[in-house]
């Protein structure tokens, strides 16, 4: 998902609302499968350094962007533990 699913971003309300929906869906799955062996987790990264932000760097602080490989490592850890 995205950090926008936890902290709304007023400049992109549709994006934020879609991430809140993903968070709600994730929480519902966690509750539904609480007693089963199925594990559900949500990953809520901040801004990831991807081409979507090209040309918009002046609006953000690229030095704080997350590396996609780091996010992938967290996801991999979450699904393989």
C-alpha atoms as a PDB file:
ATOM      1  CA  UNK A   1       0.000   0.000   0.000  1.00  0.00           C
ATOM      2  CA  UNK A   2       1.430   3.371   1.003  1.00  0.00           C
ATOM      3  CA  UNK A   3       1.976   5.646   3.963  1.00  0.00           C
ATOM      4  CA  UNK A   4      -0.994   7.542   2.476  1.00  0.00           C
ATOM      5  CA  UNK A   5      -3.113   4.684   3.844  1.00  0.00           C
ATOM      6  CA  UNK A   6      -2.147   5.777   7.355  1.00  0.00           C
ATOM      7  CA  UNK A   7      -1.633   9.516   6.980  1.00  0.00           C
ATOM      8  CA  UNK A   8      -3.812  11.161   4.316  1.00  0.00           C
ATOM      9  CA  UNK A   9      -2.184  13.316   1.686  1.00  0.00           C
ATOM     10  CA  UNK A  10      -4.462  16.297   0.982  1.00  0.00           C
ATOM     11  CA  UNK A  11      -2.868  17.076  -2.382  1.00  0.00           C
ATOM     12  CA  UNK A  12      -3.924  13.694  -3.798  1.00  0.00           C
ATOM     13  CA  UNK A  13      -7.247  12.780  -2.150  1.00  0.00           C
ATOM     14  CA  UNK A  14      -8.194  10.030  -4.598  1.00  0.00           C
ATOM     15  CA  UNK A  15      -4.824   8.319  -4.161  1.00  0.00           C
ATOM     16  CA  UNK A  16      -5.089   8.625  -0.367  1.00  0.00           C
ATOM     17  CA  UNK A  17      -8.622   7.249  -0.274  1.00  0.00           C
ATOM     18  CA  UNK A  18      -7.613   4.249  -2.391  1.00  0.00           C
ATOM     19  CA  UNK A  19      -4.759   3.493   0.025  1.00  0.00           C
ATOM     20  CA  UNK A  20      -7.128   3.815   3.013  1.00  0.00           C
ATOM     21  CA  UNK A  21      -9.330   1.248   1.257  1.00  0.00           C
ATOM     22  CA  UNK A  22      -6.364  -1.116   0.850  1.00  0.00           C
ATOM     23  CA  UNK A  23      -5.551  -0.674   4.539  1.00  0.00           C
ATOM     24  CA  UNK A  24      -9.147  -1.414   5.542  1.00  0.00           C
ATOM     25  CA  UNK A  25      -9.209  -4.502   3.328  1.00  0.00           C
ATOM     26  CA  UNK A  26      -5.920  -5.682   4.847  1.00  0.00           C
ATOM     27  CA  UNK A  27      -7.237  -5.202   8.389  1.00  0.00           C
ATOM     28  CA  UNK A  28     -10.437  -7.081   7.518  1.00  0.00           C
ATOM     29  CA  UNK A  29      -8.380  -9.997   6.142  1.00  0.00           C
ATOM     30  CA  UNK A  30      -6.249 -10.017   9.291  1.00  0.00           C
ATOM     31  CA  UNK A  31      -9.381 -10.178  11.451  1.00  0.00           C
ATOM     32  CA  UNK A  32     -10.995 -12.855   9.263  1.00  0.00           C
ATOM     33  CA  UNK A  33      -7.954 -15.131   9.330  1.00  0.00           C
ATOM     34  CA  UNK A  34      -6.868 -14.495  12.907  1.00  0.00           C
ATOM     35  CA  UNK A  35      -7.489 -18.090  13.943  1.00  0.00           C
ATOM     36  CA  UNK A  36      -6.077 -19.708  10.799  1.00  0.00           C
ATOM     37  CA  UNK A  37      -2.571 -20.434   9.608  1.00  0.00           C
ATOM     38  CA  UNK A  38      -2.884 -17.752   6.945  1.00  0.00           C
ATOM     39  CA  UNK A  39      -0.910 -14.636   7.769  1.00  0.00           C
ATOM     40  CA  UNK A  40      -1.758 -11.242   6.348  1.00  0.00           C
ATOM     41  CA  UNK A  41       0.362  -8.139   6.608  1.00  0.00           C
ATOM     42  CA  UNK A  42       0.335  -4.660   5.151  1.00  0.00           C
ATOM     43  CA  UNK A  43       3.380  -2.773   3.958  1.00  0.00           C
ATOM     44  CA  UNK A  44       3.050   1.019   4.051  1.00  0.00           C
ATOM     45  CA  UNK A  45       6.174   2.581   2.555  1.00  0.00           C
ATOM     46  CA  UNK A  46       6.775   6.252   2.038  1.00  0.00           C
ATOM     47  CA  UNK A  47       7.874   7.684  -1.301  1.00  0.00           C
ATOM     48  CA  UNK A  48       9.781   5.104  -3.305  1.00  0.00           C
ATOM     49  CA  UNK A  49      12.337   6.250  -5.853  1.00  0.00           C
ATOM     50  CA  UNK A  50      10.531   5.236  -9.058  1.00  0.00           C
ATOM     51  CA  UNK A  51      10.019   6.921 -12.449  1.00  0.00           C
ATOM     52  CA  UNK A  52       6.573   8.182 -11.362  1.00  0.00           C
ATOM     53  CA  UNK A  53       8.323  11.072  -9.604  1.00  0.00           C
ATOM     54  CA  UNK A  54      10.545  12.118 -12.524  1.00  0.00           C
ATOM     55  CA  UNK A  55      10.098  15.817 -13.182  1.00  0.00           C
ATOM     56  CA  UNK A  56       8.460  16.331  -9.794  1.00  0.00           C
ATOM     57  CA  UNK A  57      11.626  16.296  -7.703  1.00  0.00           C
ATOM     58  CA  UNK A  58      11.247  19.970  -6.807  1.00  0.00           C
ATOM     59  CA  UNK A  59       8.044  19.087  -4.941  1.00  0.00           C
ATOM     60  CA  UNK A  60       9.714  16.429  -2.832  1.00  0.00           C
ATOM     61  CA  UNK A  61      13.037  15.675  -1.216  1.00  0.00           C
ATOM     62  CA  UNK A  62      14.626  12.945  -3.360  1.00  0.00           C
ATOM     63  CA  UNK A  63      17.294  12.322  -0.721  1.00  0.00           C
ATOM     64  CA  UNK A  64      14.538  10.901   1.518  1.00  0.00           C
ATOM     65  CA  UNK A  65      13.034   8.599  -1.115  1.00  0.00           C
ATOM     66  CA  UNK A  66      13.130   4.902  -0.333  1.00  0.00           C
ATOM     67  CA  UNK A  67      15.127   2.556  -2.529  1.00  0.00           C
ATOM     68  CA  UNK A  68      12.832   0.014  -4.254  1.00  0.00           C
ATOM     69  CA  UNK A  69      15.260  -2.777  -3.368  1.00  0.00           C
ATOM     70  CA  UNK A  70      14.942  -1.956   0.335  1.00  0.00           C
ATOM     71  CA  UNK A  71      11.156  -2.106   0.130  1.00  0.00           C
ATOM     72  CA  UNK A  72      11.389  -5.405  -1.765  1.00  0.00           C
ATOM     73  CA  UNK A  73      13.591  -6.821   0.999  1.00  0.00           C
ATOM     74  CA  UNK A  74      10.979  -5.924   3.631  1.00  0.00           C
ATOM     75  CA  UNK A  75       8.245  -7.544   1.552  1.00  0.00           C
ATOM     76  CA  UNK A  76      10.382 -10.627   0.970  1.00  0.00           C
ATOM     77  CA  UNK A  77      11.132 -10.887   4.698  1.00  0.00           C
ATOM     78  CA  UNK A  78       7.435 -10.547   5.516  1.00  0.00           C
ATOM     79  CA  UNK A  79       6.313 -13.325   3.212  1.00  0.00           C
ATOM     80  CA  UNK A  80       9.114 -15.787   3.940  1.00  0.00           C
ATOM     81  CA  UNK A  81       9.171 -15.758   7.729  1.00  0.00           C
END
